[in-house]
PDB file of N, CA and C in Angstrom:
ATOM      1  N   MET A   1       0.844  -1.166   0.000  1.00  0.00           N
ATOM      2  CA  MET A   1       0.000   0.000   0.000  1.00  0.00           C
ATOM      3  C   MET A   1       0.893   1.233   0.000  1.00  0.00           C
ATOM      4  N   GLU A   2       0.651   2.118  -0.949  1.00  0.00           N
ATOM      5  CA  GLU A   2       1.417   3.363  -1.030  1.00  0.00           C
ATOM      6  C   GLU A   2       0.681   4.524  -0.377  1.00  0.00           C
ATOM      7  N   ALA A   3      -0.638   4.560  -0.552  1.00  0.00           N
ATOM      8  CA  ALA A   3      -1.421   5.668   0.001  1.00  0.00           C
ATOM      9  C   ALA A   3      -2.848   5.202   0.239  1.00  0.00           C
ATOM     10  N   LEU A   4      -3.471   5.748   1.270  1.00  0.00           N
ATOM     11  CA  LEU A   4      -4.864   5.454   1.575  1.00  0.00           C
ATOM     12  C   LEU A   4      -5.425   6.644   2.333  1.00  0.00           C
ATOM     13  N   GLY A   5      -6.620   7.054   1.961  1.00  0.00           N
ATOM     14  CA  GLY A   5      -7.233   8.179   2.645  1.00  0.00           C
ATOM     15  C   GLY A   5      -8.682   8.338   2.262  1.00  0.00           C
ATOM     16  N   LEU A   6      -9.284   9.395   2.761  1.00  0.00           N
ATOM     17  CA  LEU A   6     -10.682   9.704   2.496  1.00  0.00           C
ATOM     18  C   LEU A   6     -10.792  11.085   1.888  1.00  0.00           C
ATOM     19  N   GLU A   7     -11.758  11.237   0.986  1.00  0.00           N
ATOM     20  CA  GLU A   7     -12.139  12.548   0.466  1.00  0.00           C
ATOM     21  C   GLU A   7     -13.596  12.757   0.827  1.00  0.00           C
ATOM     22  N   PHE A   8     -13.929  13.971   1.196  1.00  0.00           N
ATOM     23  CA  PHE A   8     -15.298  14.292   1.596  1.00  0.00           C
ATOM     24  C   PHE A   8     -15.935  15.130   0.512  1.00  0.00           C
ATOM     25  N   GLY A   9     -17.169  14.754   0.129  1.00  0.00           N
ATOM     26  CA  GLY A   9     -17.832  15.433  -0.969  1.00  0.00           C
ATOM     27  C   GLY A   9     -19.254  15.794  -0.637  1.00  0.00           C
ATOM     28  N   ASN A  10     -20.073  15.755  -1.672  1.00  0.00           N
ATOM     29  CA  ASN A  10     -21.479  16.125  -1.530  1.00  0.00           C
ATOM     30  C   ASN A  10     -22.285  14.966  -0.965  1.00  0.00           C
ATOM     31  N   GLU A  11     -23.587  15.153  -0.836  1.00  0.00           N
ATOM     32  CA  GLU A  11     -24.456  14.133  -0.238  1.00  0.00           C
ATOM     33  C   GLU A  11     -24.429  12.810  -0.992  1.00  0.00           C
ATOM     34  N   GLY A  12     -24.405  12.836  -2.319  1.00  0.00           N
ATOM     35  CA  GLY A  12     -24.421  11.607  -3.103  1.00  0.00           C
ATOM     36  C   GLY A  12     -23.171  10.776  -2.916  1.00  0.00           C
ATOM     37  N   ASN A  13     -22.054  11.424  -2.694  1.00  0.00           N
ATOM     38  CA  ASN A  13     -20.783  10.755  -2.441  1.00  0.00           C
ATOM     39  C   ASN A  13     -20.205  11.339  -1.170  1.00  0.00           C
ATOM     40  N   ALA A  14     -20.820  11.029  -0.048  1.00  0.00           N
ATOM     41  CA  ALA A  14     -20.412  11.635   1.220  1.00  0.00           C
ATOM     42  C   ALA A  14     -18.924  11.404   1.484  1.00  0.00           C
ATOM     43  N   VAL A  15     -18.437  10.193   1.234  1.00  0.00           N
ATOM     44  CA  VAL A  15     -17.030   9.870   1.462  1.00  0.00           C
ATOM     45  C   VAL A  15     -16.538   9.006   0.307  1.00  0.00           C
ATOM     46  N   THR A  16     -15.355   9.335  -0.192  1.00  0.00           N
ATOM     47  CA  THR A  16     -14.711   8.529  -1.220  1.00  0.00           C
ATOM     48  C   THR A  16     -13.424   7.969  -0.643  1.00  0.00           C
ATOM     49  N   LEU A  17     -13.275   6.667  -0.722  1.00  0.00           N
ATOM     50  CA  LEU A  17     -12.064   5.980  -0.297  1.00  0.00           C
ATOM     51  C   LEU A  17     -11.073   6.077  -1.455  1.00  0.00           C
ATOM     52  N   VAL A  18      -9.871   6.547  -1.180  1.00  0.00           N
ATOM     53  CA  VAL A  18      -8.857   6.740  -2.219  1.00  0.00           C
ATOM     54  C   VAL A  18      -7.614   5.954  -1.826  1.00  0.00           C
ATOM     55  N   GLY A  19      -7.143   5.101  -2.725  1.00  0.00           N
ATOM     56  CA  GLY A  19      -5.964   4.297  -2.411  1.00  0.00           C
ATOM     57  C   GLY A  19      -5.066   4.100  -3.609  1.00  0.00           C
ATOM     58  N   LYS A  20      -3.810   3.818  -3.340  1.00  0.00           N
ATOM     59  CA  LYS A  20      -2.842   3.484  -4.377  1.00  0.00           C
ATOM     60  C   LYS A  20      -2.022   2.316  -3.863  1.00  0.00           C
ATOM     61  N   PHE A  21      -1.905   1.268  -4.698  1.00  0.00           N
ATOM     62  CA  PHE A  21      -1.279   0.023  -4.280  1.00  0.00           C
ATOM     63  C   PHE A  21      -0.248  -0.432  -5.304  1.00  0.00           C
ATOM     64  N   ASN A  22       0.915  -0.822  -4.853  1.00  0.00           N
ATOM     65  CA  ASN A  22       1.953  -1.473  -5.673  1.00  0.00           C
ATOM     66  C   ASN A  22       2.259  -0.760  -6.979  1.00  0.00           C
ATOM     67  N   GLY A  23       2.389   0.548  -6.955  1.00  0.00           N
ATOM     68  CA  GLY A  23       2.741   1.303  -8.152  1.00  0.00           C
ATOM     69  C   GLY A  23       1.624   1.433  -9.171  1.00  0.00           C
ATOM     70  N   GLY A  24       0.417   0.999  -8.812  1.00  0.00           N
ATOM     71  CA  GLY A  24      -0.715   1.068  -9.740  1.00  0.00           C
ATOM     72  C   GLY A  24      -1.343   2.451  -9.770  1.00  0.00           C
ATOM     73  N   VAL A  25      -2.426   2.550 -10.484  1.00  0.00           N
ATOM     74  CA  VAL A  25      -3.146   3.814 -10.588  1.00  0.00           C
ATOM     75  C   VAL A  25      -3.959   4.054  -9.320  1.00  0.00           C
ATOM     76  N   GLU A  26      -4.298   5.307  -9.092  1.00  0.00           N
ATOM     77  CA  GLU A  26      -5.129   5.647  -7.945  1.00  0.00           C
ATOM     78  C   GLU A  26      -6.497   4.999  -8.090  1.00  0.00           C
ATOM     79  N   GLN A  27      -6.974   4.386  -7.028  1.00  0.00           N
ATOM     80  CA  GLN A  27      -8.277   3.727  -7.015  1.00  0.00           C
ATOM     81  C   GLN A  27      -9.213   4.534  -6.132  1.00  0.00           C
ATOM     82  N   ARG A  28     -10.456   4.759  -6.603  1.00  0.00           N
ATOM     83  CA  ARG A  28     -11.424   5.584  -5.888  1.00  0.00           C
ATOM     84  C   ARG A  28     -12.745   4.838  -5.773  1.00  0.00           C
ATOM     85  N   ILE A  29     -13.273   4.767  -4.550  1.00  0.00           N
ATOM     86  CA  ILE A  29     -14.545   4.090  -4.313  1.00  0.00           C
ATOM     87  C   ILE A  29     -15.423   5.007  -3.472  1.00  0.00           C
ATOM     88  N   GLY A  30     -16.561   5.407  -4.036  1.00  0.00           N
ATOM     89  CA  GLY A  30     -17.524   6.214  -3.301  1.00  0.00           C
ATOM     90  C   GLY A  30     -18.302   5.327  -2.344  1.00  0.00           C
ATOM     91  N   CYS A  31     -18.381   5.727  -1.089  1.00  0.00           N
ATOM     92  CA  CYS A  31     -19.080   4.942  -0.071  1.00  0.00           C
ATOM     93  C   CYS A  31     -20.462   5.523   0.177  1.00  0.00           C
ATOM     94  N   GLY A  32     -21.481   4.697   0.088  1.00  0.00           N
ATOM     95  CA  GLY A  32     -22.838   5.133   0.382  1.00  0.00           C
ATOM     96  C   GLY A  32     -22.957   5.528   1.844  1.00  0.00           C
ATOM     97  N   ASP A  33     -23.751   6.528   2.106  1.00  0.00           N
ATOM     98  CA  ASP A  33     -23.952   7.013   3.474  1.00  0.00           C
ATOM     99  C   ASP A  33     -25.276   6.451   3.990  1.00  0.00           C
ATOM    100  N   GLY A  34     -25.197   5.387   4.797  1.00  0.00           N
ATOM    101  CA  GLY A  34     -26.397   4.765   5.326  1.00  0.00           C
ATOM    102  C   GLY A  34     -27.076   3.817   4.363  1.00  0.00           C
ATOM    103  N   GLU A  35     -26.457   3.576   3.224  1.00  0.00           N
ATOM    104  CA  GLU A  35     -26.999   2.638   2.236  1.00  0.00           C
ATOM    105  C   GLU A  35     -25.862   2.141   1.353  1.00  0.00           C
ATOM    106  N   TRP A  36     -26.095   1.002   0.726  1.00  0.00           N
ATOM    107  CA  TRP A  36     -25.103   0.445  -0.196  1.00  0.00           C
ATOM    108  C   TRP A  36     -25.134   1.248  -1.485  1.00  0.00           C
ATOM    109  N   LYS A  37     -23.963   1.628  -1.964  1.00  0.00           N
ATOM    110  CA  LYS A  37     -23.835   2.331  -3.244  1.00  0.00           C
ATOM    111  C   LYS A  37     -23.240   1.348  -4.244  1.00  0.00           C
ATOM    112  N   ARG A  38     -23.986   1.111  -5.319  1.00  0.00           N
ATOM    113  CA  ARG A  38     -23.524   0.169  -6.347  1.00  0.00           C
ATOM    114  C   ARG A  38     -22.694   0.899  -7.390  1.00  0.00           C
ATOM    115  N   GLY A  39     -21.711   0.194  -7.912  1.00  0.00           N
ATOM    116  CA  GLY A  39     -20.863   0.753  -8.953  1.00  0.00           C
ATOM    117  C   GLY A  39     -19.820  -0.260  -9.367  1.00  0.00           C
ATOM    118  N   ARG A  40     -18.717   0.248  -9.851  1.00  0.00           N
ATOM    119  CA  ARG A  40     -17.576  -0.588 -10.211  1.00  0.00           C
ATOM    120  C   ARG A  40     -16.368  -0.016  -9.493  1.00  0.00           C
ATOM    121  N   GLY A  41     -15.452  -0.883  -9.153  1.00  0.00           N
ATOM    122  CA  GLY A  41     -14.262  -0.393  -8.492  1.00  0.00           C
ATOM    123  C   GLY A  41     -13.220  -1.476  -8.350  1.00  0.00           C
ATOM    124  N   ALA A  42     -12.034  -1.035  -8.000  1.00  0.00           N
ATOM    125  CA  ALA A  42     -10.912  -1.925  -7.730  1.00  0.00           C
ATOM    126  C   ALA A  42     -10.364  -1.529  -6.372  1.00  0.00           C
ATOM    127  N   PHE A  43      -9.812  -2.503  -5.658  1.00  0.00           N
ATOM    128  CA  PHE A  43      -9.198  -2.186  -4.381  1.00  0.00           C
ATOM    129  C   PHE A  43      -8.089  -3.176  -4.118  1.00  0.00           C
ATOM    130  N   GLY A  44      -6.899  -2.678  -3.830  1.00  0.00           N
ATOM    131  CA  GLY A  44      -5.756  -3.558  -3.569  1.00  0.00           C
ATOM    132  C   GLY A  44      -5.510  -4.482  -4.746  1.00  0.00           C
ATOM    133  N   ALA A  45      -5.495  -5.784  -4.491  1.00  0.00           N
ATOM    134  CA  ALA A  45      -5.244  -6.778  -5.544  1.00  0.00           C
ATOM    135  C   ALA A  45      -6.483  -7.080  -6.377  1.00  0.00           C
ATOM    136  N   PHE A  46      -7.657  -6.609  -5.952  1.00  0.00           N
ATOM    137  CA  PHE A  46      -8.879  -6.868  -6.708  1.00  0.00           C
ATOM    138  C   PHE A  46      -8.933  -5.979  -7.948  1.00  0.00           C
ATOM    139  N   PRO A  47      -9.105  -6.559  -9.148  1.00  0.00           N
ATOM    140  CA  PRO A  47      -9.250  -5.734 -10.353  1.00  0.00           C
ATOM    141  C   PRO A  47     -10.616  -5.055 -10.358  1.00  0.00           C
ATOM    142  N   GLU A  48     -10.782  -4.090 -11.245  1.00  0.00           N
ATOM    143  CA  GLU A  48     -12.069  -3.396 -11.336  1.00  0.00           C
ATOM    144  C   GLU A  48     -13.167  -4.401 -11.658  1.00  0.00           C
ATOM    145  N   GLN A  49     -14.258  -4.300 -10.899  1.00  0.00           N
ATOM    146  CA  GLN A  49     -15.388  -5.208 -11.050  1.00  0.00           C
ATOM    147  C   GLN A  49     -16.592  -4.617 -10.324  1.00  0.00           C
ATOM    148  N   PRO A  50     -17.779  -5.209 -10.498  1.00  0.00           N
ATOM    149  CA  PRO A  50     -18.958  -4.695  -9.792  1.00  0.00           C
ATOM    150  C   PRO A  50     -18.770  -4.789  -8.282  1.00  0.00           C
ATOM    151  N   LEU A  51     -19.202  -3.737  -7.592  1.00  0.00           N
ATOM    152  CA  LEU A  51     -19.144  -3.759  -6.138  1.00  0.00           C
ATOM    153  C   LEU A  51     -20.241  -2.880  -5.561  1.00  0.00           C
ATOM    154  N   ALA A  52     -20.486  -3.090  -4.302  1.00  0.00           N
ATOM    155  CA  ALA A  52     -21.373  -2.228  -3.524  1.00  0.00           C
ATOM    156  C   ALA A  52     -20.568  -1.821  -2.303  1.00  0.00           C
ATOM    157  N   SER A  53     -20.702  -0.558  -1.911  1.00  0.00           N
ATOM    158  CA  SER A  53     -19.907  -0.070  -0.793  1.00  0.00           C
ATOM    159  C   SER A  53     -20.739   0.856   0.084  1.00  0.00           C
ATOM    160  N   CYS A  54     -20.378   0.879   1.350  1.00  0.00           N
ATOM    161  CA  CYS A  54     -21.012   1.798   2.290  1.00  0.00           C
ATOM    162  C   CYS A  54     -19.995   2.124   3.363  1.00  0.00           C
ATOM    163  N   GLY A  55     -20.254   3.185   4.102  1.00  0.00           N
ATOM    164  CA  GLY A  55     -19.324   3.564   5.158  1.00  0.00           C
ATOM    165  C   GLY A  55     -19.978   4.507   6.139  1.00  0.00           C
ATOM    166  N   ALA A  56     -19.394   4.577   7.327  1.00  0.00           N
ATOM    167  CA  ALA A  56     -19.907   5.462   8.368  1.00  0.00           C
ATOM    168  C   ALA A  56     -18.823   5.683   9.410  1.00  0.00           C
ATOM    169  N   TRP A  57     -18.961   6.774  10.143  1.00  0.00           N
ATOM    170  CA  TRP A  57     -18.093   7.023  11.287  1.00  0.00           C
ATOM    171  C   TRP A  57     -18.587   6.140  12.428  1.00  0.00           C
ATOM    172  N   THR A  58     -17.750   5.224  12.877  1.00  0.00           N
ATOM    173  CA  THR A  58     -18.122   4.305  13.954  1.00  0.00           C
ATOM    174  C   THR A  58     -17.564   4.757  15.298  1.00  0.00           C
ATOM    175  N   ALA A  59     -16.738   5.775  15.298  1.00  0.00           N
ATOM    176  CA  ALA A  59     -16.222   6.447  16.495  1.00  0.00           C
ATOM    177  C   ALA A  59     -15.798   7.838  16.039  1.00  0.00           C
ATOM    178  N   ASP A  60     -15.517   8.722  16.968  1.00  0.00           N
ATOM    179  CA  ASP A  60     -15.112  10.080  16.600  1.00  0.00           C
ATOM    180  C   ASP A  60     -13.892  10.104  15.688  1.00  0.00           C
ATOM    181  N   ASP A  61     -13.003   9.112  15.827  1.00  0.00           N
ATOM    182  CA  ASP A  61     -11.768   9.089  15.059  1.00  0.00           C
ATOM    183  C   ASP A  61     -11.676   7.934  14.065  1.00  0.00           C
ATOM    184  N   THR A  62     -12.774   7.179  13.869  1.00  0.00           N
ATOM    185  CA  THR A  62     -12.716   5.964  13.044  1.00  0.00           C
ATOM    186  C   THR A  62     -13.812   5.936  11.996  1.00  0.00           C
ATOM    187  N   PHE A  63     -13.395   5.755  10.736  1.00  0.00           N
ATOM    188  CA  PHE A  63     -14.335   5.555   9.630  1.00  0.00           C
ATOM    189  C   PHE A  63     -14.256   4.086   9.248  1.00  0.00           C
ATOM    190  N   THR A  64     -15.417   3.423   9.166  1.00  0.00           N
ATOM    191  CA  THR A  64     -15.485   2.016   8.779  1.00  0.00           C
ATOM    192  C   THR A  64     -16.199   1.921   7.441  1.00  0.00           C
ATOM    193  N   ALA A  65     -15.558   1.249   6.485  1.00  0.00           N
ATOM    194  CA  ALA A  65     -16.137   1.048   5.157  1.00  0.00           C
ATOM    195  C   ALA A  65     -16.276  -0.447   4.910  1.00  0.00           C
ATOM    196  N   LYS A  66     -17.321  -0.809   4.189  1.00  0.00           N
ATOM    197  CA  LYS A  66     -17.506  -2.197   3.761  1.00  0.00           C
ATOM    198  C   LYS A  66     -17.549  -2.202   2.241  1.00  0.00           C
ATOM    199  N   LEU A  67     -16.746  -3.080   1.644  1.00  0.00           N
ATOM    200  CA  LEU A  67     -16.678  -3.233   0.196  1.00  0.00           C
ATOM    201  C   LEU A  67     -17.125  -4.648  -0.139  1.00  0.00           C
ATOM    202  N   CYS A  68     -18.219  -4.766  -0.862  1.00  0.00           N
ATOM    203  CA  CYS A  68     -18.752  -6.057  -1.250  1.00  0.00           C
ATOM    204  C   CYS A  68     -18.566  -6.230  -2.755  1.00  0.00           C
ATOM    205  N   PHE A  69     -17.702  -7.135  -3.149  1.00  0.00           N
ATOM    206  CA  PHE A  69     -17.500  -7.430  -4.565  1.00  0.00           C
ATOM    207  C   PHE A  69     -18.611  -8.391  -4.974  1.00  0.00           C
ATOM    208  N   THR A  70     -19.638  -7.848  -5.619  1.00  0.00           N
ATOM    209  CA  THR A  70     -20.935  -8.514  -5.754  1.00  0.00           C
ATOM    210  C   THR A  70     -20.933  -9.774  -6.615  1.00  0.00           C
ATOM    211  N   GLU A  71     -19.928  -9.991  -7.420  1.00  0.00           N
ATOM    212  CA  GLU A  71     -19.872 -11.218  -8.218  1.00  0.00           C
ATOM    213  C   GLU A  71     -18.917 -12.235  -7.609  1.00  0.00           C
ATOM    214  N   THR A  72     -18.511 -11.994  -6.371  1.00  0.00           N
ATOM    215  CA  THR A  72     -17.620 -12.896  -5.647  1.00  0.00           C
ATOM    216  C   THR A  72     -18.198 -13.103  -4.246  1.00  0.00           C
ATOM    217  N   PRO A  73     -17.615 -13.978  -3.452  1.00  0.00           N
ATOM    218  CA  PRO A  73     -18.080 -14.137  -2.070  1.00  0.00           C
ATOM    219  C   PRO A  73     -17.422 -13.143  -1.111  1.00  0.00           C
ATOM    220  N   TYR A  74     -16.611 -12.201  -1.614  1.00  0.00           N
ATOM    221  CA  TYR A  74     -15.771 -11.381  -0.753  1.00  0.00           C
ATOM    222  C   TYR A  74     -16.431 -10.092  -0.276  1.00  0.00           C
ATOM    223  N   LEU A  75     -16.317  -9.878   1.024  1.00  0.00           N
ATOM    224  CA  LEU A  75     -16.722  -8.633   1.677  1.00  0.00           C
ATOM    225  C   LEU A  75     -15.533  -8.206   2.535  1.00  0.00           C
ATOM    226  N   ILE A  76     -15.030  -7.004   2.289  1.00  0.00           N
ATOM    227  CA  ILE A  76     -13.888  -6.490   3.040  1.00  0.00           C
ATOM    228  C   ILE A  76     -14.387  -5.374   3.951  1.00  0.00           C
ATOM    229  N   THR A  77     -14.035  -5.449   5.210  1.00  0.00           N
ATOM    230  CA  THR A  77     -14.340  -4.383   6.161  1.00  0.00           C
ATOM    231  C   THR A  77     -13.045  -3.645   6.449  1.00  0.00           C
ATOM    232  N   LEU A  78     -13.067  -2.330   6.233  1.00  0.00           N
ATOM    233  CA  LEU A  78     -11.891  -1.490   6.442  1.00  0.00           C
ATOM    234  C   LEU A  78     -12.150  -0.549   7.611  1.00  0.00           C
ATOM    235  N   ASN A  79     -11.238  -0.496   8.545  1.00  0.00           N
ATOM    236  CA  ASN A  79     -11.305   0.460   9.647  1.00  0.00           C
ATOM    237  C   ASN A  79     -10.145   1.431   9.503  1.00  0.00           C
ATOM    238  N   LEU A  80     -10.461   2.710   9.359  1.00  0.00           N
ATOM    239  CA  LEU A  80      -9.449   3.753   9.248  1.00  0.00           C
ATOM    240  C   LEU A  80      -9.561   4.632  10.485  1.00  0.00           C
ATOM    241  N   ARG A  81      -8.545   4.576  11.340  1.00  0.00           N
ATOM    242  CA  ARG A  81      -8.556   5.361  12.579  1.00  0.00           C
ATOM    243  C   ARG A  81      -7.523   6.476  12.465  1.00  0.00           C
ATOM    244  N   PHE A  82      -7.984   7.692  12.671  1.00  0.00           N
ATOM    245  CA  PHE A  82      -7.146   8.870  12.546  1.00  0.00           C
ATOM    246  C   PHE A  82      -6.638   9.286  13.920  1.00  0.00           C
ATOM    247  N   SER A  83      -5.339   9.549  14.002  1.00  0.00           N
ATOM    248  CA  SER A  83      -4.714   9.967  15.252  1.00  0.00           C
ATOM    249  C   SER A  83      -3.665  11.024  14.906  1.00  0.00           C
ATOM    250  N   GLY A  84      -4.000  12.295  15.129  1.00  0.00           N
ATOM    251  CA  GLY A  84      -3.088  13.370  14.746  1.00  0.00           C
ATOM    252  C   GLY A  84      -2.885  13.354  13.243  1.00  0.00           C
ATOM    253  N   ASP A  85      -1.636  13.270  12.794  1.00  0.00           N
ATOM    254  CA  ASP A  85      -1.358  13.213  11.352  1.00  0.00           C
ATOM    255  C   ASP A  85      -1.127  11.785  10.869  1.00  0.00           C
ATOM    256  N   LYS A  86      -1.554  10.797  11.645  1.00  0.00           N
ATOM    257  CA  LYS A  86      -1.374   9.387  11.282  1.00  0.00           C
ATOM    258  C   LYS A  86      -2.712   8.724  10.998  1.00  0.00           C
ATOM    259  N   LEU A  87      -2.664   7.729  10.125  1.00  0.00           N
ATOM    260  CA  LEU A  87      -3.823   6.912   9.808  1.00  0.00           C
ATOM    261  C   LEU A  87      -3.483   5.464  10.137  1.00  0.00           C
ATOM    262  N   HIS A  88      -4.274   4.850  11.002  1.00  0.00           N
ATOM    263  CA  HIS A  88      -4.110   3.437  11.345  1.00  0.00           C
ATOM    264  C   HIS A  88      -5.153   2.659  10.559  1.00  0.00           C
ATOM    265  N   PHE A  89      -4.713   1.657   9.815  1.00  0.00           N
ATOM    266  CA  PHE A  89      -5.569   0.921   8.884  1.00  0.00           C
ATOM    267  C   PHE A  89      -5.630  -0.545   9.281  1.00  0.00           C
ATOM    268  N   GLU A  90      -6.845  -1.079   9.286  1.00  0.00           N
ATOM    269  CA  GLU A  90      -7.041  -2.497   9.573  1.00  0.00           C
ATOM    270  C   GLU A  90      -8.111  -3.020   8.612  1.00  0.00           C
ATOM    271  N   SER A  91      -7.866  -4.185   8.047  1.00  0.00           N
ATOM    272  CA  SER A  91      -8.858  -4.791   7.147  1.00  0.00           C
ATOM    273  C   SER A  91      -9.185  -6.198   7.616  1.00  0.00           C
ATOM    274  N   THR A  92     -10.427  -6.587   7.375  1.00  0.00           N
ATOM    275  CA  THR A  92     -10.885  -7.935   7.694  1.00  0.00           C
ATOM    276  C   THR A  92     -11.713  -8.441   6.516  1.00  0.00           C
ATOM    277  N   TRP A  93     -11.497  -9.684   6.147  1.00  0.00           N
ATOM    278  CA  TRP A  93     -12.235 -10.317   5.053  1.00  0.00           C
ATOM    279  C   TRP A  93     -13.229 -11.304   5.651  1.00  0.00           C
ATOM    280  N   ASN A  94     -14.374 -11.456   5.006  1.00  0.00           N
ATOM    281  CA  ASN A  94     -15.345 -12.431   5.498  1.00  0.00           C
ATOM    282  C   ASN A  94     -14.880 -13.867   5.236  1.00  0.00           C
ATOM    283  N   VAL A  95     -14.196 -14.112   4.128  1.00  0.00           N
ATOM    284  CA  VAL A  95     -13.648 -15.433   3.791  1.00  0.00           C
ATOM    285  C   VAL A  95     -12.295 -15.232   3.115  1.00  0.00           C
ATOM    286  N   SER A  96     -11.462 -16.272   3.150  1.00  0.00           N
ATOM    287  CA  SER A  96     -10.146 -16.175   2.524  1.00  0.00           C
ATOM    288  C   SER A  96      -9.552 -17.564   2.408  1.00  0.00           C
ATOM    289  N   PHE A  97      -8.622 -17.718   1.475  1.00  0.00           N
ATOM    290  CA  PHE A  97      -7.867 -18.960   1.372  1.00  0.00           C
ATOM    291  C   PHE A  97      -6.699 -18.948   2.346  1.00  0.00           C
ATOM    292  N   GLY A  98      -6.503 -17.809   3.002  1.00  0.00           N
ATOM    293  CA  GLY A  98      -5.465 -17.641   4.026  1.00  0.00           C
ATOM    294  C   GLY A  98      -6.092 -16.936   5.208  1.00  0.00           C
ATOM    295  N   PRO A  99      -5.318 -16.121   5.925  1.00  0.00           N
ATOM    296  CA  PRO A  99      -5.874 -15.401   7.062  1.00  0.00           C
ATOM    297  C   PRO A  99      -6.970 -14.411   6.616  1.00  0.00           C
ATOM    298  N   THR A 100      -7.981 -14.218   7.430  1.00  0.00           N
ATOM    299  CA  THR A 100      -9.038 -13.258   7.103  1.00  0.00           C
ATOM    300  C   THR A 100      -8.682 -11.860   7.592  1.00  0.00           C
ATOM    301  N   LYS A 101      -7.591 -11.749   8.322  1.00  0.00           N
ATOM    302  CA  LYS A 101      -7.127 -10.450   8.797  1.00  0.00           C
ATOM    303  C   LYS A 101      -5.664 -10.313   8.380  1.00  0.00           C
ATOM    304  N   PRO A 102      -5.428  -9.883   7.109  1.00  0.00           N
ATOM    305  CA  PRO A 102      -4.044  -9.807   6.619  1.00  0.00           C
ATOM    306  C   PRO A 102      -3.242  -8.751   7.366  1.00  0.00           C
ATOM    307  N   GLY A 103      -1.935  -8.969   7.467  1.00  0.00           N
ATOM    308  CA  GLY A 103      -1.062  -8.011   8.131  1.00  0.00           C
ATOM    309  C   GLY A 103      -0.932  -6.721   7.355  1.00  0.00           C
ATOM    310  N   CYS A 104      -0.786  -6.826   6.065  1.00  0.00           N
ATOM    311  CA  CYS A 104      -0.713  -5.635   5.212  1.00  0.00           C
ATOM    312  C   CYS A 104      -0.995  -6.054   3.777  1.00  0.00           C
ATOM    313  N   TRP A 105      -1.201  -5.072   2.924  1.00  0.00           N
ATOM    314  CA  TRP A 105      -1.497  -5.340   1.512  1.00  0.00           C
ATOM    315  C   TRP A 105      -0.190  -5.458   0.815  1.00  0.00           C
TER     316      TRP A 105
END
């Protein structure tokens, strides 16, 4: 992972998850606010494909996003905790051929 963060926008795209992985292009996923937002997207090693995403502030300093790749069995839960100028990132997968809580991307 090279970069990960959030952008804040209008009501239709309240929060956009922005990431860059392994020298690839910037990946952007709009998170539905209180509802699943359908679209296409790529994240980490996942190529662009249909997905549904949503997100919410689960604590004053933590944004939690769920990414459901709708043509696969995979649902990724991302917790982004902000502390000063640092971002602490944790991901959990619902299923995996390995650990469901990878150490890093």
